Amino acid sequence: MKDHVRARFRNAPHTSGESPAKLIDYVESGKVEAANAYEAWESLRGSEDALQVGDLLETELGALKIYKYVGFEDAKWIVPETPVPQPTAGPSTL
């Protein structure tokens, strides 16, 4: 998670359920081989790549887990909607 976004995340009240995540707020930092999120957390703990509150883990199948103070919870990418161009009326003929 980018540092300026992490500050907002840390100060926000805890919410339960699936957390929304914006792709623009994250930077991919590498890969870790692990059976689950807690094993990944344990293997990175103490390294310079240690997980911090707000970081995401993504499985090969695309499932997301976000690291919160209470552990890992489900997350999902928010995909911005692309505006649909409205048809414009051509010149009117009478």
PDB file of N, CA and C in Angstrom:
ATOM      1  N   MET A   1       0.856  -1.165   0.000  1.00  0.00           N
ATOM      2  CA  MET A   1       0.000   0.000   0.000  1.00  0.00           C
ATOM      3  C   MET A   1       0.908   1.235   0.000  1.00  0.00           C
ATOM      4  N   LYS A   2       0.496   2.222  -0.754  1.00  0.00           N
ATOM      5  CA  LYS A   2       1.267   3.466  -0.801  1.00  0.00           C
ATOM      6  C   LYS A   2       1.164   4.170   0.560  1.00  0.00           C
ATOM      7  N   ASP A   3       2.251   4.850   0.952  1.00  0.00           N
ATOM      8  CA  ASP A   3       2.336   5.438   2.293  1.00  0.00           C
ATOM      9  C   ASP A   3       1.222   6.431   2.603  1.00  0.00           C
ATOM     10  N   HIS A   4       0.882   7.321   1.660  1.00  0.00           N
ATOM     11  CA  HIS A   4      -0.151   8.324   1.944  1.00  0.00           C
ATOM     12  C   HIS A   4      -1.526   7.682   2.142  1.00  0.00           C
ATOM     13  N   VAL A   5      -1.773   6.568   1.503  1.00  0.00           N
ATOM     14  CA  VAL A   5      -3.043   5.859   1.659  1.00  0.00           C
ATOM     15  C   VAL A   5      -3.028   5.074   2.973  1.00  0.00           C
ATOM     16  N   ARG A   6      -1.875   4.540   3.345  1.00  0.00           N
ATOM     17  CA  ARG A   6      -1.753   3.761   4.576  1.00  0.00           C
ATOM     18  C   ARG A   6      -2.136   4.600   5.800  1.00  0.00           C
ATOM     19  N   ALA A   7      -1.748   5.863   5.806  1.00  0.00           N
ATOM     20  CA  ALA A   7      -2.084   6.741   6.931  1.00  0.00           C
ATOM     21  C   ALA A   7      -3.603   6.869   7.085  1.00  0.00           C
ATOM     22  N   ARG A   8      -4.319   7.038   5.987  1.00  0.00           N
ATOM     23  CA  ARG A   8      -5.789   7.117   6.047  1.00  0.00           C
ATOM     24  C   ARG A   8      -6.379   5.791   6.506  1.00  0.00           C
ATOM     25  N   PHE A   9      -5.828   4.674   5.990  1.00  0.00           N
ATOM     26  CA  PHE A   9      -6.332   3.346   6.337  1.00  0.00           C
ATOM     27  C   PHE A   9      -6.161   3.078   7.834  1.00  0.00           C
ATOM     28  N   ARG A  10      -5.007   3.421   8.369  1.00  0.00           N
ATOM     29  CA  ARG A  10      -4.716   3.171   9.786  1.00  0.00           C
ATOM     30  C   ARG A  10      -5.649   3.965  10.698  1.00  0.00           C
ATOM     31  N   ASN A  11      -6.057   5.157  10.267  1.00  0.00           N
ATOM     32  CA  ASN A  11      -6.906   6.012  11.096  1.00  0.00           C
ATOM     33  C   ASN A  11      -8.400   5.779  10.891  1.00  0.00           C
ATOM     34  N   ALA A  12      -8.763   5.007   9.899  1.00  0.00           N
ATOM     35  CA  ALA A  12     -10.178   4.745   9.627  1.00  0.00           C
ATOM     36  C   ALA A  12     -10.721   3.735  10.637  1.00  0.00           C
ATOM     37  N   PRO A  13     -12.009   3.817  10.959  1.00  0.00           N
ATOM     38  CA  PRO A  13     -12.589   2.839  11.880  1.00  0.00           C
ATOM     39  C   PRO A  13     -12.606   1.448  11.235  1.00  0.00           C
ATOM     40  N   HIS A  14     -12.499   0.424  12.078  1.00  0.00           N
ATOM     41  CA  HIS A  14     -12.515  -0.949  11.569  1.00  0.00           C
ATOM     42  C   HIS A  14     -13.896  -1.289  11.031  1.00  0.00           C
ATOM     43  N   THR A  15     -13.905  -1.908   9.884  1.00  0.00           N
ATOM     44  CA  THR A  15     -15.150  -2.410   9.315  1.00  0.00           C
ATOM     45  C   THR A  15     -14.983  -3.899   9.083  1.00  0.00           C
ATOM     46  N   SER A  16     -16.053  -4.632   9.231  1.00  0.00           N
ATOM     47  CA  SER A  16     -15.975  -6.062   8.969  1.00  0.00           C
ATOM     48  C   SER A  16     -16.591  -6.335   7.605  1.00  0.00           C
ATOM     49  N   GLY A  17     -16.334  -7.503   7.102  1.00  0.00           N
ATOM     50  CA  GLY A  17     -16.824  -7.855   5.777  1.00  0.00           C
ATOM     51  C   GLY A  17     -15.766  -7.590   4.724  1.00  0.00           C
ATOM     52  N   GLU A  18     -16.141  -7.724   3.491  1.00  0.00           N
ATOM     53  CA  GLU A  18     -15.216  -7.566   2.369  1.00  0.00           C
ATOM     54  C   GLU A  18     -14.801  -6.102   2.226  1.00  0.00           C
ATOM     55  N   SER A  19     -13.494  -5.871   2.229  1.00  0.00           N
ATOM     56  CA  SER A  19     -12.964  -4.504   2.131  1.00  0.00           C
ATOM     57  C   SER A  19     -12.711  -4.134   0.678  1.00  0.00           C
ATOM     58  N   PRO A  20     -13.116  -2.938   0.266  1.00  0.00           N
ATOM     59  CA  PRO A  20     -12.819  -2.494  -1.097  1.00  0.00           C
ATOM     60  C   PRO A  20     -11.366  -2.039  -1.211  1.00  0.00           C
ATOM     61  N   ALA A  21     -10.736  -2.301  -2.353  1.00  0.00           N
ATOM     62  CA  ALA A  21      -9.349  -1.880  -2.589  1.00  0.00           C
ATOM     63  C   ALA A  21      -9.241  -1.283  -3.983  1.00  0.00           C
ATOM     64  N   LYS A  22      -8.562  -0.141  -4.062  1.00  0.00           N
ATOM     65  CA  LYS A  22      -8.349   0.512  -5.351  1.00  0.00           C
ATOM     66  C   LYS A  22      -6.957   0.154  -5.855  1.00  0.00           C
ATOM     67  N   LEU A  23      -6.874  -0.299  -7.081  1.00  0.00           N
ATOM     68  CA  LEU A  23      -5.594  -0.683  -7.675  1.00  0.00           C
ATOM     69  C   LEU A  23      -4.589   0.459  -7.634  1.00  0.00           C
ATOM     70  N   ILE A  24      -5.060   1.691  -7.768  1.00  0.00           N
ATOM     71  CA  ILE A  24      -4.172   2.854  -7.782  1.00  0.00           C
ATOM     72  C   ILE A  24      -3.472   3.068  -6.432  1.00  0.00           C
ATOM     73  N   ASP A  25      -4.029   2.514  -5.344  1.00  0.00           N
ATOM     74  CA  ASP A  25      -3.467   2.691  -4.010  1.00  0.00           C
ATOM     75  C   ASP A  25      -2.372   1.682  -3.668  1.00  0.00           C
ATOM     76  N   TYR A  26      -2.108   0.747  -4.559  1.00  0.00           N
ATOM     77  CA  TYR A  26      -1.169  -0.340  -4.257  1.00  0.00           C
ATOM     78  C   TYR A  26      -0.054  -0.427  -5.290  1.00  0.00           C
ATOM     79  N   VAL A  27       1.077  -0.942  -4.834  1.00  0.00           N
ATOM     80  CA  VAL A  27       2.230  -1.198  -5.694  1.00  0.00           C
ATOM     81  C   VAL A  27       2.641  -2.643  -5.448  1.00  0.00           C
ATOM     82  N   GLU A  28       2.749  -3.433  -6.508  1.00  0.00           N
ATOM     83  CA  GLU A  28       3.173  -4.824  -6.344  1.00  0.00           C
ATOM     84  C   GLU A  28       4.613  -4.849  -5.869  1.00  0.00           C
ATOM     85  N   SER A  29       4.863  -5.647  -4.833  1.00  0.00           N
ATOM     86  CA  SER A  29       6.218  -5.650  -4.279  1.00  0.00           C
ATOM     87  C   SER A  29       6.893  -7.012  -4.343  1.00  0.00           C
ATOM     88  N   GLY A  30       6.256  -7.995  -4.914  1.00  0.00           N
ATOM     89  CA  GLY A  30       6.909  -9.290  -5.037  1.00  0.00           C
ATOM     90  C   GLY A  30       5.950 -10.428  -4.786  1.00  0.00           C
ATOM     91  N   LYS A  31       6.526 -11.604  -4.686  1.00  0.00           N
ATOM     92  CA  LYS A  31       5.737 -12.819  -4.494  1.00  0.00           C
ATOM     93  C   LYS A  31       6.278 -13.578  -3.303  1.00  0.00           C
ATOM     94  N   VAL A  32       5.397 -14.342  -2.691  1.00  0.00           N
ATOM     95  CA  VAL A  32       5.776 -15.204  -1.572  1.00  0.00           C
ATOM     96  C   VAL A  32       5.019 -16.520  -1.727  1.00  0.00           C
ATOM     97  N   GLU A  33       5.720 -17.618  -1.536  1.00  0.00           N
ATOM     98  CA  GLU A  33       5.099 -18.941  -1.599  1.00  0.00           C
ATOM     99  C   GLU A  33       4.599 -19.292  -0.202  1.00  0.00           C
ATOM    100  N   ALA A  34       3.291 -19.538  -0.073  1.00  0.00           N
ATOM    101  CA  ALA A  34       2.712 -19.880   1.223  1.00  0.00           C
ATOM    102  C   ALA A  34       1.381 -20.585   1.014  1.00  0.00           C
ATOM    103  N   ALA A  35       1.019 -21.416   1.985  1.00  0.00           N
ATOM    104  CA  ALA A  35      -0.241 -22.147   1.911  1.00  0.00           C
ATOM    105  C   ALA A  35      -1.433 -21.249   2.215  1.00  0.00           C
ATOM    106  N   ASN A  36      -1.218 -20.199   3.025  1.00  0.00           N
ATOM    107  CA  ASN A  36      -2.300 -19.281   3.371  1.00  0.00           C
ATOM    108  C   ASN A  36      -1.704 -17.937   3.769  1.00  0.00           C
ATOM    109  N   ALA A  37      -2.573 -16.963   4.054  1.00  0.00           N
ATOM    110  CA  ALA A  37      -2.125 -15.602   4.367  1.00  0.00           C
ATOM    111  C   ALA A  37      -1.274 -15.555   5.634  1.00  0.00           C
ATOM    112  N   TYR A  38      -1.626 -16.348   6.639  1.00  0.00           N
ATOM    113  CA  TYR A  38      -0.874 -16.322   7.890  1.00  0.00           C
ATOM    114  C   TYR A  38       0.520 -16.917   7.720  1.00  0.00           C
ATOM    115  N   GLU A  39       0.645 -17.912   6.872  1.00  0.00           N
ATOM    116  CA  GLU A  39       1.969 -18.465   6.582  1.00  0.00           C
ATOM    117  C   GLU A  39       2.817 -17.451   5.822  1.00  0.00           C
ATOM    118  N   ALA A  40       2.202 -16.704   4.910  1.00  0.00           N
ATOM    119  CA  ALA A  40       2.918 -15.645   4.187  1.00  0.00           C
ATOM    120  C   ALA A  40       3.370 -14.562   5.164  1.00  0.00           C
ATOM    121  N   TRP A  41       2.490 -14.164   6.083  1.00  0.00           N
ATOM    122  CA  TRP A  41       2.830 -13.161   7.091  1.00  0.00           C
ATOM    123  C   TRP A  41       4.016 -13.626   7.925  1.00  0.00           C
ATOM    124  N   GLU A  42       3.979 -14.880   8.360  1.00  0.00           N
ATOM    125  CA  GLU A  42       5.049 -15.431   9.189  1.00  0.00           C
ATOM    126  C   GLU A  42       6.378 -15.472   8.442  1.00  0.00           C
ATOM    127  N   SER A  43       6.339 -15.863   7.171  1.00  0.00           N
ATOM    128  CA  SER A  43       7.594 -15.968   6.415  1.00  0.00           C
ATOM    129  C   SER A  43       8.205 -14.597   6.108  1.00  0.00           C
ATOM    130  N   LEU A  44       7.386 -13.559   6.035  1.00  0.00           N
ATOM    131  CA  LEU A  44       7.889 -12.209   5.757  1.00  0.00           C
ATOM    132  C   LEU A  44       8.220 -11.424   7.026  1.00  0.00           C
ATOM    133  N   ARG A  45       7.710 -11.878   8.164  1.00  0.00           N
ATOM    134  CA  ARG A  45       7.913 -11.166   9.433  1.00  0.00           C
ATOM    135  C   ARG A  45       9.398 -11.026   9.742  1.00  0.00           C
ATOM    136  N   GLY A  46       9.794  -9.832  10.104  1.00  0.00           N
ATOM    137  CA  GLY A  46      11.190  -9.571  10.440  1.00  0.00           C
ATOM    138  C   GLY A  46      12.061  -9.200   9.251  1.00  0.00           C
ATOM    139  N   SER A  47      11.533  -9.316   8.043  1.00  0.00           N
ATOM    140  CA  SER A  47      12.298  -8.938   6.851  1.00  0.00           C
ATOM    141  C   SER A  47      11.955  -7.503   6.468  1.00  0.00           C
ATOM    142  N   GLU A  48      12.697  -6.955   5.516  1.00  0.00           N
ATOM    143  CA  GLU A  48      12.358  -5.601   5.070  1.00  0.00           C
ATOM    144  C   GLU A  48      11.089  -5.588   4.232  1.00  0.00           C
ATOM    145  N   ASP A  49      10.581  -6.757   3.840  1.00  0.00           N
ATOM    146  CA  ASP A  49       9.324  -6.868   3.097  1.00  0.00           C
ATOM    147  C   ASP A  49       8.158  -7.281   3.996  1.00  0.00           C
ATOM    148  N   ALA A  50       8.312  -7.140   5.318  1.00  0.00           N
ATOM    149  CA  ALA A  50       7.264  -7.551   6.256  1.00  0.00           C
ATOM    150  C   ALA A  50       5.955  -6.842   5.922  1.00  0.00           C
ATOM    151  N   LEU A  51       4.852  -7.575   6.081  1.00  0.00           N
ATOM    152  CA  LEU A  51       3.536  -6.998   5.813  1.00  0.00           C
ATOM    153  C   LEU A  51       3.195  -5.953   6.859  1.00  0.00           C
ATOM    154  N   GLN A  52       2.557  -4.881   6.403  1.00  0.00           N
ATOM    155  CA  GLN A  52       2.087  -3.822   7.287  1.00  0.00           C
ATOM    156  C   GLN A  52       0.575  -3.734   7.167  1.00  0.00           C
ATOM    157  N   VAL A  53      -0.050  -3.161   8.173  1.00  0.00           N
ATOM    158  CA  VAL A  53      -1.501  -3.007   8.159  1.00  0.00           C
ATOM    159  C   VAL A  53      -1.907  -2.276   6.886  1.00  0.00           C
ATOM    160  N   GLY A  54      -2.852  -2.862   6.166  1.00  0.00           N
ATOM    161  CA  GLY A  54      -3.335  -2.286   4.918  1.00  0.00           C
ATOM    162  C   GLY A  54      -2.805  -2.997   3.686  1.00  0.00           C
ATOM    163  N   ASP A  55      -1.756  -3.813   3.837  1.00  0.00           N
ATOM    164  CA  ASP A  55      -1.201  -4.523   2.688  1.00  0.00           C
ATOM    165  C   ASP A  55      -2.140  -5.639   2.238  1.00  0.00           C
ATOM    166  N   LEU A  56      -2.057  -5.962   0.951  1.00  0.00           N
ATOM    167  CA  LEU A  56      -2.883  -7.009   0.363  1.00  0.00           C
ATOM    168  C   LEU A  56      -2.041  -8.204  -0.031  1.00  0.00           C
ATOM    169  N   LEU A  57      -2.642  -9.373   0.052  1.00  0.00           N
ATOM    170  CA  LEU A  57      -2.080 -10.581  -0.524  1.00  0.00           C
ATOM    171  C   LEU A  57      -3.083 -11.075  -1.559  1.00  0.00           C
ATOM    172  N   GLU A  58      -2.570 -11.463  -2.718  1.00  0.00           N
ATOM    173  CA  GLU A  58      -3.443 -11.959  -3.782  1.00  0.00           C
ATOM    174  C   GLU A  58      -3.004 -13.364  -4.159  1.00  0.00           C
ATOM    175  N   THR A  59      -3.958 -14.297  -4.215  1.00  0.00           N
ATOM    176  CA  THR A  59      -3.645 -15.669  -4.597  1.00  0.00           C
ATOM    177  C   THR A  59      -3.503 -15.765  -6.110  1.00  0.00           C
ATOM    178  N   GLU A  60      -3.000 -16.889  -6.563  1.00  0.00           N
ATOM    179  CA  GLU A  60      -2.872 -17.102  -8.010  1.00  0.00           C
ATOM    180  C   GLU A  60      -4.228 -17.083  -8.697  1.00  0.00           C
ATOM    181  N   LEU A  61      -5.281 -17.392  -7.954  1.00  0.00           N
ATOM    182  CA  LEU A  61      -6.633 -17.384  -8.516  1.00  0.00           C
ATOM    183  C   LEU A  61      -7.307 -16.024  -8.418  1.00  0.00           C
ATOM    184  N   GLY A  62      -6.610 -15.023  -7.830  1.00  0.00           N
ATOM    185  CA  GLY A  62      -7.136 -13.668  -7.769  1.00  0.00           C
ATOM    186  C   GLY A  62      -7.865 -13.299  -6.494  1.00  0.00           C
ATOM    187  N   ALA A  63      -7.958 -14.226  -5.523  1.00  0.00           N
ATOM    188  CA  ALA A  63      -8.598 -13.897  -4.242  1.00  0.00           C
ATOM    189  C   ALA A  63      -7.692 -12.942  -3.463  1.00  0.00           C
ATOM    190  N   LEU A  64      -8.294 -11.940  -2.830  1.00  0.00           N
ATOM    191  CA  LEU A  64      -7.535 -10.942  -2.072  1.00  0.00           C
ATOM    192  C   LEU A  64      -7.787 -11.079  -0.578  1.00  0.00           C
ATOM    193  N   LYS A  65      -6.718 -10.872   0.201  1.00  0.00           N
ATOM    194  CA  LYS A  65      -6.794 -10.780   1.656  1.00  0.00           C
ATOM    195  C   LYS A  65      -6.093  -9.498   2.051  1.00  0.00           C
ATOM    196  N   ILE A  66      -6.718  -8.719   2.914  1.00  0.00           N
ATOM    197  CA  ILE A  66      -6.120  -7.479   3.407  1.00  0.00           C
ATOM    198  C   ILE A  66      -5.700  -7.692   4.859  1.00  0.00           C
ATOM    199  N   TYR A  67      -4.511  -7.202   5.187  1.00  0.00           N
ATOM    200  CA  TYR A  67      -3.971  -7.340   6.530  1.00  0.00           C
ATOM    201  C   TYR A  67      -4.475  -6.191   7.394  1.00  0.00           C
ATOM    202  N   LYS A  68      -5.235  -6.526   8.428  1.00  0.00           N
ATOM    203  CA  LYS A  68      -5.778  -5.537   9.360  1.00  0.00           C
ATOM    204  C   LYS A  68      -5.230  -5.826  10.753  1.00  0.00           C
ATOM    205  N   TYR A  69      -5.513  -4.946  11.689  1.00  0.00           N
ATOM    206  CA  TYR A  69      -5.067  -5.143  13.065  1.00  0.00           C
ATOM    207  C   TYR A  69      -5.570  -6.463  13.636  1.00  0.00           C
ATOM    208  N   VAL A  70      -6.725  -6.908  13.197  1.00  0.00           N
ATOM    209  CA  VAL A  70      -7.351  -8.113  13.742  1.00  0.00           C
ATOM    210  C   VAL A  70      -6.965  -9.371  12.978  1.00  0.00           C
ATOM    211  N   GLY A  71      -6.162  -9.252  11.957  1.00  0.00           N
ATOM    212  CA  GLY A  71      -5.765 -10.399  11.130  1.00  0.00           C
ATOM    213  C   GLY A  71      -6.056 -10.113   9.671  1.00  0.00           C
ATOM    214  N   PHE A  72      -6.327 -11.154   8.922  1.00  0.00           N
ATOM    215  CA  PHE A  72      -6.612 -11.019   7.493  1.00  0.00           C
ATOM    216  C   PHE A  72      -8.104 -11.132   7.248  1.00  0.00           C
ATOM    217  N   GLU A  73      -8.597 -10.281   6.367  1.00  0.00           N
ATOM    218  CA  GLU A  73      -9.999 -10.334   5.965  1.00  0.00           C
ATOM    219  C   GLU A  73     -10.080 -10.265   4.445  1.00  0.00           C
ATOM    220  N   ASP A  74     -11.208 -10.691   3.902  1.00  0.00           N
ATOM    221  CA  ASP A  74     -11.400 -10.665   2.449  1.00  0.00           C
ATOM    222  C   ASP A  74     -11.419  -9.232   1.931  1.00  0.00           C
ATOM    223  N   ALA A  75     -10.955  -9.080   0.709  1.00  0.00           N
ATOM    224  CA  ALA A  75     -10.973  -7.785   0.034  1.00  0.00           C
ATOM    225  C   ALA A  75     -11.356  -8.013  -1.423  1.00  0.00           C
ATOM    226  N   LYS A  76     -11.704  -6.938  -2.099  1.00  0.00           N
ATOM    227  CA  LYS A  76     -12.019  -7.031  -3.528  1.00  0.00           C
ATOM    228  C   LYS A  76     -11.555  -5.752  -4.204  1.00  0.00           C
ATOM    229  N   TRP A  77     -11.145  -5.882  -5.445  1.00  0.00           N
ATOM    230  CA  TRP A  77     -10.743  -4.718  -6.233  1.00  0.00           C
ATOM    231  C   TRP A  77     -11.980  -3.933  -6.621  1.00  0.00           C
ATOM    232  N   ILE A  78     -11.885  -2.623  -6.519  1.00  0.00           N
ATOM    233  CA  ILE A  78     -12.933  -1.741  -7.019  1.00  0.00           C
ATOM    234  C   ILE A  78     -12.519  -1.349  -8.428  1.00  0.00           C
ATOM    235  N   VAL A  79     -13.365  -1.659  -9.377  1.00  0.00           N
ATOM    236  CA  VAL A  79     -13.098  -1.316 -10.770  1.00  0.00           C
ATOM    237  C   VAL A  79     -13.944  -0.113 -11.127  1.00  0.00           C
ATOM    238  N   PRO A  80     -13.282   1.021 -11.467  1.00  0.00           N
ATOM    239  CA  PRO A  80     -14.074   2.208 -11.801  1.00  0.00           C
ATOM    240  C   PRO A  80     -14.924   1.961 -13.037  1.00  0.00           C
ATOM    241  N   GLU A  81     -16.122   2.476 -12.996  1.00  0.00           N
ATOM    242  CA  GLU A  81     -17.012   2.325 -14.146  1.00  0.00           C
ATOM    243  C   GLU A  81     -16.555   3.235 -15.271  1.00  0.00           C
ATOM    244  N   THR A  82     -16.613   2.721 -16.475  1.00  0.00           N
ATOM    245  CA  THR A  82     -16.277   3.509 -17.645  1.00  0.00           C
ATOM    246  C   THR A  82     -17.554   4.191 -18.119  1.00  0.00           C
ATOM    247  N   PRO A  83     -17.529   5.511 -18.251  1.00  0.00           N
ATOM    248  CA  PRO A  83     -18.746   6.194 -18.689  1.00  0.00           C
ATOM    249  C   PRO A  83     -19.136   5.772 -20.109  1.00  0.00           C
ATOM    250  N   VAL A  84     -20.414   5.538 -20.283  1.00  0.00           N
ATOM    251  CA  VAL A  84     -20.932   5.154 -21.595  1.00  0.00           C
ATOM    252  C   VAL A  84     -21.269   6.428 -22.354  1.00  0.00           C
ATOM    253  N   PRO A  85     -20.669   6.613 -23.544  1.00  0.00           N
ATOM    254  CA  PRO A  85     -20.975   7.838 -24.295  1.00  0.00           C
ATOM    255  C   PRO A  85     -22.449   7.876 -24.680  1.00  0.00           C
ATOM    256  N   GLN A  86     -23.049   9.019 -24.483  1.00  0.00           N
ATOM    257  CA  GLN A  86     -24.448   9.206 -24.831  1.00  0.00           C
ATOM    258  C   GLN A  86     -24.533   9.604 -26.307  1.00  0.00           C
ATOM    259  N   PRO A  87     -25.477   9.021 -27.026  1.00  0.00           N
ATOM    260  CA  PRO A  87     -25.608   9.419 -28.430  1.00  0.00           C
ATOM    261  C   PRO A  87     -25.999  10.886 -28.541  1.00  0.00           C
ATOM    262  N   THR A  88     -25.359  11.551 -29.457  1.00  0.00           N
ATOM    263  CA  THR A  88     -25.676  12.954 -29.668  1.00  0.00           C
ATOM    264  C   THR A  88     -26.636  13.068 -30.840  1.00  0.00           C
ATOM    265  N   ALA A  89     -27.529  13.980 -30.721  1.00  0.00           N
ATOM    266  CA  ALA A  89     -28.499  14.179 -31.783  1.00  0.00           C
ATOM    267  C   ALA A  89     -27.812  14.917 -32.935  1.00  0.00           C
ATOM    268  N   GLY A  90     -28.026  14.440 -34.126  1.00  0.00           N
ATOM    269  CA  GLY A  90     -27.455  15.089 -35.314  1.00  0.00           C
ATOM    270  C   GLY A  90     -28.288  16.323 -35.664  1.00  0.00           C
ATOM    271  N   PRO A  91     -27.879  17.017 -36.682  1.00  0.00           N
ATOM    272  CA  PRO A  91     -28.645  18.208 -37.071  1.00  0.00           C
ATOM    273  C   PRO A  91     -30.060  17.801 -37.491  1.00  0.00           C
ATOM    274  N   SER A  92     -30.999  18.578 -37.071  1.00  0.00           N
ATOM    275  CA  SER A  92     -32.382  18.259 -37.404  1.00  0.00           C
ATOM    276  C   SER A  92     -32.720  18.836 -38.787  1.00  0.00           C
ATOM    277  N   THR A  93     -33.498  18.090 -39.502  1.00  0.00           N
ATOM    278  CA  THR A  93     -33.933  18.547 -40.811  1.00  0.00           C
ATOM    279  C   THR A  93     -35.462  18.600 -40.843  1.00  0.00           C
ATOM    280  N   LEU A  94     -36.007  19.650 -41.386  1.00  0.00           N
ATOM    281  CA  LEU A  94     -37.451  19.790 -41.497  1.00  0.00           C
ATOM    282  C   LEU A  94     -37.872  19.859 -42.911  1.00  0.00           C
TER     283      LEU A  94
END
